Amino acid sequence: MTIRIILQSVCAVILLCFGCLNTPGYNCLCASLTNYEVHPTTVTPDGIKVDDSGFVVNLDLLDQETISLEQCLSLSIDRTGFTIKIAPDWFTSPSSGNEGFPCNLRPSECSTAPCACAGAVQPPNTVVLPPSLLAYRHEMIHLVTHANHGDPQFELCENTQPLTGN
């Protein structure tokens, strides 16, 4: 019985990896906290694909934040290697005033019920955000460096202030 479970696990990993290798752009081997359909509806002036889910998104701000993040990380970010998805079911928390959206965190990782995220990377290469884009840099660091969330090496490159120009 244990051999069967091991074989199933190995097959699942092989399928996951081959699927990732055939996907153009960045590939995040991370837990899938969201499962949104992604259909880009617009493109920023610098070439970032955006699925705005019908909401107003500051495309210039996305480009500005990407340039700023590149400078902070000292690396070039391929604008065609990922897509931004605005969560269609985003909401503003009545208690904190922060924007979030439902996500599949484990209950032990969740301080609210139901669980909510300010940002997430949906494998293989979609950054999911509410319209404020506040978690953009945090999620991009995770996507382009494969760093664990909260890695102190990248702390200075994350947003600590609300973004302007929404």
N, C-alpha and C. Protein backbone atom coordinates (compact mmCIF):
# COMPACT_ATOMS: atom_id res chain seq x y z
N MET A 1 0.81 -1.20 0.00
CA MET A 1 0.00 0.00 0.00
C MET A 1 0.85 1.26 0.00
N THR A 2 1.94 1.28 0.75
CA THR A 2 2.79 2.48 0.80
C THR A 2 3.51 2.71 -0.52
N ILE A 3 3.85 1.66 -1.24
CA ILE A 3 4.51 1.82 -2.54
C ILE A 3 3.56 2.52 -3.51
N ARG A 4 2.28 2.17 -3.45
CA ARG A 4 1.29 2.80 -4.32
C ARG A 4 1.20 4.29 -4.03
N ILE A 5 1.19 4.67 -2.76
CA ILE A 5 1.13 6.08 -2.38
C ILE A 5 2.38 6.82 -2.84
N ILE A 6 3.53 6.19 -2.68
CA ILE A 6 4.79 6.80 -3.12
C ILE A 6 4.77 7.01 -4.64
N LEU A 7 4.33 6.01 -5.39
CA LEU A 7 4.27 6.13 -6.84
C LEU A 7 3.31 7.23 -7.27
N GLN A 8 2.17 7.34 -6.60
CA GLN A 8 1.23 8.40 -6.91
C GLN A 8 1.84 9.77 -6.64
N SER A 9 2.58 9.89 -5.56
CA SER A 9 3.22 11.16 -5.23
C SER A 9 4.28 11.53 -6.25
N VAL A 10 5.09 10.54 -6.65
CA VAL A 10 6.13 10.79 -7.65
C VAL A 10 5.49 11.21 -8.97
N CYS A 11 4.43 10.54 -9.37
CA CYS A 11 3.74 10.91 -10.62
C CYS A 11 3.18 12.32 -10.55
N ALA A 12 2.63 12.69 -9.42
CA ALA A 12 2.08 14.04 -9.25
C ALA A 12 3.18 15.09 -9.37
N VAL A 13 4.33 14.84 -8.77
CA VAL A 13 5.45 15.78 -8.85
C VAL A 13 5.95 15.88 -10.28
N ILE A 14 6.07 14.76 -10.97
CA ILE A 14 6.53 14.77 -12.37
C ILE A 14 5.56 15.57 -13.23
N LEU A 15 4.27 15.34 -13.08
CA LEU A 15 3.28 16.09 -13.86
C LEU A 15 3.35 17.57 -13.55
N LEU A 16 3.50 17.92 -12.28
CA LEU A 16 3.60 19.31 -11.87
C LEU A 16 4.81 19.96 -12.54
N CYS A 17 5.95 19.31 -12.46
CA CYS A 17 7.18 19.88 -13.02
C CYS A 17 7.13 20.00 -14.53
N PHE A 18 6.65 18.99 -15.22
CA PHE A 18 6.57 19.09 -16.67
C PHE A 18 5.61 20.18 -17.08
N GLY A 19 4.50 20.34 -16.36
CA GLY A 19 3.57 21.43 -16.65
C GLY A 19 4.23 22.78 -16.46
N CYS A 20 5.03 22.92 -15.43
CA CYS A 20 5.72 24.18 -15.17
C CYS A 20 6.77 24.46 -16.23
N LEU A 21 7.50 23.45 -16.64
CA LEU A 21 8.57 23.66 -17.60
C LEU A 21 8.04 24.11 -18.95
N ASN A 22 6.81 23.78 -19.27
CA ASN A 22 6.25 24.16 -20.55
C ASN A 22 5.51 25.49 -20.50
N THR A 23 5.49 26.15 -19.36
CA THR A 23 4.79 27.41 -19.21
C THR A 23 5.76 28.56 -19.42
N PRO A 24 5.48 29.46 -20.38
CA PRO A 24 6.40 30.57 -20.60
C PRO A 24 6.37 31.56 -19.44
N GLY A 25 7.47 32.25 -19.23
CA GLY A 25 7.54 33.27 -18.19
C GLY A 25 8.00 32.69 -16.87
N TYR A 26 7.72 33.43 -15.81
CA TYR A 26 8.10 33.00 -14.47
C TYR A 26 7.25 31.80 -14.07
N ASN A 27 7.81 30.92 -13.26
CA ASN A 27 7.08 29.75 -12.78
C ASN A 27 7.21 29.67 -11.27
N CYS A 28 6.11 29.82 -10.59
CA CYS A 28 6.10 29.75 -9.13
C CYS A 28 5.67 28.36 -8.71
N LEU A 29 6.58 27.66 -8.04
CA LEU A 29 6.24 26.35 -7.49
C LEU A 29 5.73 26.56 -6.07
N CYS A 30 4.62 27.28 -5.97
CA CYS A 30 4.07 27.64 -4.67
C CYS A 30 2.66 27.07 -4.53
N ALA A 31 2.17 27.11 -3.32
CA ALA A 31 0.82 26.61 -3.05
C ALA A 31 -0.18 27.50 -3.79
N SER A 32 -1.19 26.89 -4.32
CA SER A 32 -2.23 27.64 -5.02
C SER A 32 -3.28 28.09 -4.01
N LEU A 33 -3.22 29.37 -3.66
CA LEU A 33 -4.18 29.92 -2.69
C LEU A 33 -5.44 30.42 -3.36
N THR A 34 -5.37 30.59 -4.69
CA THR A 34 -6.53 31.06 -5.46
C THR A 34 -6.64 30.22 -6.72
N ASN A 35 -7.80 30.31 -7.35
CA ASN A 35 -8.02 29.55 -8.58
C ASN A 35 -8.87 30.38 -9.54
N TYR A 36 -8.47 31.61 -9.78
CA TYR A 36 -9.22 32.50 -10.66
C TYR A 36 -8.92 32.18 -12.12
N GLU A 37 -9.93 32.34 -12.97
CA GLU A 37 -9.69 32.31 -14.41
C GLU A 37 -9.02 33.62 -14.77
N VAL A 38 -8.01 33.56 -15.62
CA VAL A 38 -7.25 34.74 -15.97
C VAL A 38 -7.33 34.97 -17.47
N HIS A 39 -7.85 36.17 -17.83
CA HIS A 39 -7.97 36.57 -19.23
C HIS A 39 -7.56 38.04 -19.31
N PRO A 40 -6.30 38.32 -19.65
CA PRO A 40 -5.86 39.71 -19.69
C PRO A 40 -6.77 40.58 -20.55
N THR A 41 -7.12 41.74 -20.00
CA THR A 41 -8.02 42.67 -20.67
C THR A 41 -7.31 43.93 -21.12
N THR A 42 -6.10 44.18 -20.60
CA THR A 42 -5.34 45.36 -20.95
C THR A 42 -3.86 45.10 -20.71
N VAL A 43 -3.03 46.04 -21.14
CA VAL A 43 -1.59 45.94 -20.98
C VAL A 43 -1.07 47.30 -20.54
N THR A 44 -0.14 47.31 -19.59
CA THR A 44 0.46 48.58 -19.16
C THR A 44 1.32 49.13 -20.30
N PRO A 45 1.66 50.43 -20.24
CA PRO A 45 2.54 50.99 -21.27
C PRO A 45 3.87 50.23 -21.41
N ASP A 46 4.36 49.63 -20.31
CA ASP A 46 5.62 48.87 -20.37
C ASP A 46 5.43 47.40 -20.69
N GLY A 47 4.18 46.95 -20.92
CA GLY A 47 3.95 45.59 -21.41
C GLY A 47 3.49 44.55 -20.41
N ILE A 48 3.08 44.95 -19.19
CA ILE A 48 2.56 43.99 -18.21
C ILE A 48 1.11 43.69 -18.54
N LYS A 49 0.78 42.40 -18.69
CA LYS A 49 -0.60 41.99 -18.97
C LYS A 49 -1.43 42.08 -17.68
N VAL A 50 -2.65 42.62 -17.81
CA VAL A 50 -3.52 42.82 -16.65
C VAL A 50 -4.92 42.32 -16.97
N ASP A 51 -5.45 41.50 -16.07
CA ASP A 51 -6.87 41.13 -16.10
C ASP A 51 -7.52 41.95 -14.99
N ASP A 52 -8.18 43.04 -15.37
CA ASP A 52 -8.69 43.99 -14.38
C ASP A 52 -10.02 43.60 -13.77
N SER A 53 -10.62 42.52 -14.22
CA SER A 53 -11.91 42.04 -13.70
C SER A 53 -12.98 43.13 -13.69
N GLY A 54 -12.83 44.12 -14.56
CA GLY A 54 -13.82 45.20 -14.66
C GLY A 54 -13.58 46.36 -13.70
N PHE A 55 -12.49 46.35 -12.96
CA PHE A 55 -12.17 47.42 -12.01
C PHE A 55 -11.13 48.37 -12.60
N VAL A 56 -11.10 49.59 -12.09
CA VAL A 56 -10.11 50.56 -12.52
C VAL A 56 -8.77 50.21 -11.87
N VAL A 57 -7.73 50.11 -12.70
CA VAL A 57 -6.39 49.79 -12.22
C VAL A 57 -5.44 50.86 -12.75
N ASN A 58 -4.58 51.36 -11.89
CA ASN A 58 -3.61 52.36 -12.30
C ASN A 58 -2.44 51.66 -12.98
N LEU A 59 -2.48 51.60 -14.31
CA LEU A 59 -1.47 50.89 -15.08
C LEU A 59 -0.11 51.56 -14.98
N ASP A 60 -0.09 52.88 -14.93
CA ASP A 60 1.19 53.60 -14.79
C ASP A 60 1.84 53.28 -13.45
N LEU A 61 1.04 53.14 -12.41
CA LEU A 61 1.56 52.81 -11.09
C LEU A 61 2.21 51.41 -11.09
N LEU A 62 1.60 50.47 -11.79
CA LEU A 62 2.20 49.13 -11.91
C LEU A 62 3.58 49.23 -12.56
N ASP A 63 3.69 50.01 -13.62
CA ASP A 63 4.98 50.17 -14.28
C ASP A 63 5.99 50.86 -13.35
N GLN A 64 5.55 51.91 -12.66
CA GLN A 64 6.45 52.62 -11.74
C GLN A 64 6.94 51.71 -10.63
N GLU A 65 6.05 50.93 -10.05
CA GLU A 65 6.43 50.01 -8.97
C GLU A 65 7.37 48.91 -9.47
N THR A 66 7.18 48.48 -10.71
CA THR A 66 8.06 47.46 -11.28
C THR A 66 9.47 48.02 -11.47
N ILE A 67 9.57 49.23 -11.98
CA ILE A 67 10.88 49.88 -12.16
C ILE A 67 11.55 50.06 -10.81
N SER A 68 10.80 50.53 -9.82
CA SER A 68 11.35 50.74 -8.48
C SER A 68 11.84 49.42 -7.87
N LEU A 69 11.06 48.36 -8.07
CA LEU A 69 11.45 47.05 -7.55
C LEU A 69 12.70 46.53 -8.25
N GLU A 70 12.78 46.71 -9.55
CA GLU A 70 13.99 46.30 -10.28
C GLU A 70 15.23 46.99 -9.72
N GLN A 71 15.11 48.29 -9.47
CA GLN A 71 16.24 49.04 -8.93
C GLN A 71 16.62 48.54 -7.55
N CYS A 72 15.63 48.25 -6.72
CA CYS A 72 15.89 47.78 -5.36
C CYS A 72 16.53 46.39 -5.37
N LEU A 73 16.04 45.50 -6.23
CA LEU A 73 16.54 44.13 -6.29
C LEU A 73 17.80 43.99 -7.16
N SER A 74 18.11 45.03 -7.91
CA SER A 74 19.24 44.99 -8.86
C SER A 74 19.10 43.84 -9.86
N LEU A 75 17.89 43.72 -10.43
CA LEU A 75 17.66 42.73 -11.48
C LEU A 75 16.59 43.24 -12.43
N SER A 76 16.56 42.65 -13.60
CA SER A 76 15.58 43.02 -14.62
C SER A 76 14.37 42.09 -14.51
N ILE A 77 13.19 42.65 -14.56
CA ILE A 77 11.95 41.86 -14.49
C ILE A 77 11.34 41.81 -15.89
N ASP A 78 11.12 40.61 -16.39
CA ASP A 78 10.52 40.39 -17.71
C ASP A 78 9.04 40.72 -17.64
N ARG A 79 8.65 41.82 -18.24
CA ARG A 79 7.25 42.28 -18.20
C ARG A 79 6.29 41.30 -18.87
N THR A 80 6.79 40.46 -19.76
CA THR A 80 5.93 39.49 -20.45
C THR A 80 5.87 38.14 -19.74
N GLY A 81 6.57 38.02 -18.61
CA GLY A 81 6.68 36.74 -17.92
C GLY A 81 5.64 36.50 -16.85
N PHE A 82 4.69 37.42 -16.69
CA PHE A 82 3.67 37.25 -15.65
C PHE A 82 2.43 38.08 -16.03
N THR A 83 1.34 37.82 -15.31
CA THR A 83 0.09 38.54 -15.50
C THR A 83 -0.40 39.02 -14.15
N ILE A 84 -1.02 40.19 -14.12
CA ILE A 84 -1.68 40.70 -12.92
C ILE A 84 -3.17 40.38 -13.04
N LYS A 85 -3.75 39.82 -12.00
CA LYS A 85 -5.18 39.53 -11.94
C LYS A 85 -5.77 40.31 -10.77
N ILE A 86 -6.73 41.16 -11.02
CA ILE A 86 -7.44 41.83 -9.94
C ILE A 86 -8.54 40.88 -9.49
N ALA A 87 -8.51 40.54 -8.21
CA ALA A 87 -9.49 39.58 -7.67
C ALA A 87 -10.90 40.15 -7.86
N PRO A 88 -11.77 39.41 -8.53
CA PRO A 88 -13.11 39.93 -8.79
C PRO A 88 -13.97 40.02 -7.53
N ASP A 89 -13.58 39.28 -6.49
CA ASP A 89 -14.37 39.25 -5.25
C ASP A 89 -13.63 39.95 -4.10
N TRP A 90 -12.84 40.97 -4.43
CA TRP A 90 -12.10 41.70 -3.40
C TRP A 90 -13.09 42.47 -2.53
N PHE A 91 -12.63 42.82 -1.35
CA PHE A 91 -13.46 43.56 -0.40
C PHE A 91 -12.57 44.42 0.49
N THR A 92 -13.18 45.37 1.16
CA THR A 92 -12.47 46.18 2.15
C THR A 92 -12.89 45.69 3.53
N SER A 93 -11.91 45.37 4.36
CA SER A 93 -12.19 44.89 5.71
C SER A 93 -12.81 46.02 6.53
N PRO A 94 -13.96 45.76 7.15
CA PRO A 94 -14.58 46.80 7.97
C PRO A 94 -13.74 47.14 9.20
N SER A 95 -12.96 46.20 9.69
CA SER A 95 -12.18 46.46 10.91
C SER A 95 -10.86 47.17 10.63
N SER A 96 -10.15 46.78 9.54
CA SER A 96 -8.84 47.37 9.28
C SER A 96 -8.85 48.41 8.16
N GLY A 97 -9.84 48.35 7.28
CA GLY A 97 -9.88 49.24 6.13
C GLY A 97 -8.99 48.77 5.00
N ASN A 98 -8.33 47.61 5.15
CA ASN A 98 -7.44 47.07 4.12
C ASN A 98 -8.24 46.27 3.10
N GLU A 99 -7.74 46.28 1.87
CA GLU A 99 -8.36 45.47 0.82
C GLU A 99 -7.82 44.05 0.87
N GLY A 100 -8.68 43.09 0.56
CA GLY A 100 -8.29 41.69 0.53
C GLY A 100 -9.23 40.91 -0.37
N PHE A 101 -9.01 39.60 -0.42
CA PHE A 101 -9.87 38.72 -1.20
C PHE A 101 -9.80 37.33 -0.58
N PRO A 102 -10.83 36.50 -0.80
CA PRO A 102 -10.82 35.15 -0.23
C PRO A 102 -9.67 34.32 -0.79
N CYS A 103 -9.05 33.52 0.06
CA CYS A 103 -7.97 32.64 -0.39
C CYS A 103 -7.94 31.39 0.48
N ASN A 104 -7.24 30.39 0.01
CA ASN A 104 -7.22 29.08 0.66
C ASN A 104 -6.03 28.89 1.59
N LEU A 105 -5.86 29.78 2.54
CA LEU A 105 -4.84 29.59 3.57
C LEU A 105 -5.28 28.49 4.52
N ARG A 106 -4.32 27.82 5.13
CA ARG A 106 -4.67 26.86 6.18
C ARG A 106 -5.21 27.66 7.37
N PRO A 107 -6.18 27.12 8.09
CA PRO A 107 -6.74 27.85 9.23
C PRO A 107 -5.69 28.32 10.23
N SER A 108 -4.60 27.57 10.39
CA SER A 108 -3.55 27.96 11.33
C SER A 108 -2.79 29.21 10.85
N GLU A 109 -2.86 29.52 9.55
CA GLU A 109 -2.18 30.68 8.98
C GLU A 109 -3.10 31.89 8.87
N CYS A 110 -4.31 31.74 9.33
CA CYS A 110 -5.33 32.74 9.09
C CYS A 110 -5.75 33.41 10.40
N SER A 111 -5.72 34.74 10.40
CA SER A 111 -6.12 35.46 11.61
C SER A 111 -7.58 35.86 11.57
N THR A 112 -8.23 35.68 10.43
CA THR A 112 -9.65 36.02 10.31
C THR A 112 -10.40 34.83 9.74
N ALA A 113 -11.69 34.85 9.91
CA ALA A 113 -12.52 33.82 9.30
C ALA A 113 -13.61 34.52 8.50
N PRO A 114 -13.80 34.26 7.23
CA PRO A 114 -12.98 33.36 6.42
C PRO A 114 -11.61 33.97 6.13
N CYS A 115 -10.70 33.15 5.66
CA CYS A 115 -9.34 33.61 5.36
C CYS A 115 -9.37 34.62 4.22
N ALA A 116 -8.48 35.61 4.31
CA ALA A 116 -8.36 36.62 3.27
C ALA A 116 -6.88 36.90 3.01
N CYS A 117 -6.56 37.24 1.77
CA CYS A 117 -5.19 37.59 1.38
C CYS A 117 -5.18 39.01 0.83
N ALA A 118 -4.05 39.70 1.00
CA ALA A 118 -3.84 41.01 0.39
C ALA A 118 -3.16 40.86 -0.96
N GLY A 119 -2.63 39.67 -1.22
CA GLY A 119 -1.97 39.36 -2.48
C GLY A 119 -1.61 37.89 -2.48
N ALA A 120 -1.44 37.32 -3.67
CA ALA A 120 -1.05 35.92 -3.80
C ALA A 120 -0.48 35.69 -5.19
N VAL A 121 0.39 34.70 -5.30
CA VAL A 121 0.84 34.25 -6.62
C VAL A 121 0.06 32.98 -6.93
N GLN A 122 -0.70 33.05 -8.01
CA GLN A 122 -1.45 31.89 -8.48
C GLN A 122 -0.59 31.20 -9.53
N PRO A 123 -0.14 29.97 -9.23
CA PRO A 123 0.76 29.29 -10.17
C PRO A 123 0.14 29.18 -11.56
N PRO A 124 0.97 29.26 -12.60
CA PRO A 124 2.41 29.36 -12.48
C PRO A 124 2.94 30.79 -12.40
N ASN A 125 2.21 31.80 -12.93
CA ASN A 125 2.82 33.12 -13.02
C ASN A 125 1.82 34.28 -13.02
N THR A 126 0.79 34.17 -12.19
CA THR A 126 -0.19 35.24 -12.06
C THR A 126 -0.13 35.82 -10.66
N VAL A 127 -0.02 37.15 -10.59
CA VAL A 127 -0.04 37.84 -9.31
C VAL A 127 -1.46 38.35 -9.09
N VAL A 128 -2.11 37.86 -8.03
CA VAL A 128 -3.49 38.23 -7.73
C VAL A 128 -3.47 39.31 -6.65
N LEU A 129 -4.22 40.39 -6.91
CA LEU A 129 -4.24 41.54 -6.01
C LEU A 129 -5.62 42.18 -6.01
N PRO A 130 -5.94 42.94 -4.95
CA PRO A 130 -7.08 43.84 -5.03
C PRO A 130 -6.65 45.11 -5.76
N PRO A 131 -7.58 46.01 -6.11
CA PRO A 131 -7.21 47.19 -6.91
C PRO A 131 -6.19 48.14 -6.27
N SER A 132 -6.02 48.13 -4.97
CA SER A 132 -5.04 49.03 -4.34
C SER A 132 -3.61 48.66 -4.72
N LEU A 133 -3.37 47.43 -5.14
CA LEU A 133 -2.05 46.93 -5.55
C LEU A 133 -1.02 46.96 -4.42
N LEU A 134 -1.45 47.11 -3.18
CA LEU A 134 -0.54 47.31 -2.06
C LEU A 134 0.46 46.16 -1.90
N ALA A 135 0.07 44.94 -2.15
CA ALA A 135 0.97 43.79 -1.97
C ALA A 135 1.75 43.44 -3.25
N TYR A 136 1.73 44.31 -4.25
CA TYR A 136 2.38 44.02 -5.53
C TYR A 136 3.86 43.67 -5.36
N ARG A 137 4.62 44.52 -4.72
CA ARG A 137 6.05 44.26 -4.58
C ARG A 137 6.31 42.97 -3.80
N HIS A 138 5.56 42.77 -2.73
CA HIS A 138 5.73 41.57 -1.91
C HIS A 138 5.55 40.31 -2.76
N GLU A 139 4.49 40.27 -3.54
CA GLU A 139 4.20 39.09 -4.35
C GLU A 139 5.18 38.96 -5.52
N MET A 140 5.60 40.08 -6.09
CA MET A 140 6.57 40.02 -7.18
C MET A 140 7.92 39.51 -6.69
N ILE A 141 8.33 39.91 -5.49
CA ILE A 141 9.57 39.39 -4.92
C ILE A 141 9.50 37.88 -4.82
N HIS A 142 8.37 37.39 -4.35
CA HIS A 142 8.17 35.94 -4.23
C HIS A 142 8.23 35.27 -5.61
N LEU A 143 7.60 35.88 -6.61
CA LEU A 143 7.55 35.29 -7.95
C LEU A 143 8.92 35.30 -8.64
N VAL A 144 9.62 36.43 -8.62
CA VAL A 144 10.84 36.53 -9.42
C VAL A 144 12.09 36.02 -8.71
N THR A 145 12.08 35.95 -7.38
CA THR A 145 13.27 35.46 -6.66
C THR A 145 13.07 34.08 -6.06
N HIS A 146 11.84 33.61 -6.00
CA HIS A 146 11.47 32.34 -5.37
C HIS A 146 11.77 32.36 -3.87
N ALA A 147 11.86 33.55 -3.30
CA ALA A 147 12.10 33.68 -1.86
C ALA A 147 10.85 33.30 -1.10
N ASN A 148 11.04 32.81 0.11
CA ASN A 148 9.90 32.58 0.99
C ASN A 148 9.30 33.91 1.39
N HIS A 149 8.01 33.92 1.62
CA HIS A 149 7.35 35.14 2.07
C HIS A 149 8.00 35.59 3.38
N GLY A 150 8.27 36.88 3.47
CA GLY A 150 8.85 37.41 4.69
C GLY A 150 10.36 37.26 4.79
N ASP A 151 11.03 36.85 3.71
CA ASP A 151 12.48 36.69 3.74
C ASP A 151 13.11 38.05 4.07
N PRO A 152 13.87 38.15 5.18
CA PRO A 152 14.43 39.44 5.58
C PRO A 152 15.40 40.03 4.56
N GLN A 153 15.94 39.21 3.68
CA GLN A 153 16.86 39.69 2.64
C GLN A 153 16.18 40.71 1.73
N PHE A 154 14.86 40.60 1.56
CA PHE A 154 14.13 41.46 0.63
C PHE A 154 13.23 42.48 1.32
N GLU A 155 13.33 42.57 2.63
CA GLU A 155 12.45 43.43 3.41
C GLU A 155 12.47 44.89 2.94
N LEU A 156 13.64 45.40 2.61
CA LEU A 156 13.75 46.80 2.20
C LEU A 156 13.08 47.08 0.87
N CYS A 157 12.86 46.05 0.07
CA CYS A 157 12.25 46.24 -1.25
C CYS A 157 10.72 46.14 -1.22
N GLU A 158 10.15 45.75 -0.11
CA GLU A 158 8.70 45.63 -0.01
C GLU A 158 8.08 46.98 0.33
N ASN A 159 6.82 47.16 -0.04
CA ASN A 159 6.11 48.38 0.31
C ASN A 159 5.83 48.42 1.79
N THR A 160 6.07 49.55 2.39
CA THR A 160 5.68 49.75 3.78
C THR A 160 4.66 50.86 3.90
N GLN A 161 4.43 51.57 2.82
CA GLN A 161 3.47 52.68 2.80
C GLN A 161 2.40 52.40 1.74
N PRO A 162 1.19 52.94 1.93
CA PRO A 162 0.17 52.77 0.89
C PRO A 162 0.64 53.38 -0.43
N LEU A 163 0.28 52.74 -1.52
CA LEU A 163 0.62 53.26 -2.84
C LEU A 163 -0.25 54.47 -3.13
N THR A 164 0.27 55.39 -3.92
CA THR A 164 -0.52 56.57 -4.31
C THR A 164 -0.91 56.45 -5.76
N GLY A 165 -1.91 57.18 -6.13
CA GLY A 165 -2.31 57.23 -7.54
C GLY A 165 -3.35 56.21 -7.90
N ASN A 166 -4.11 55.64 -6.92
CA ASN A 166 -5.16 54.67 -7.26
C ASN A 166 -6.32 55.33 -7.94
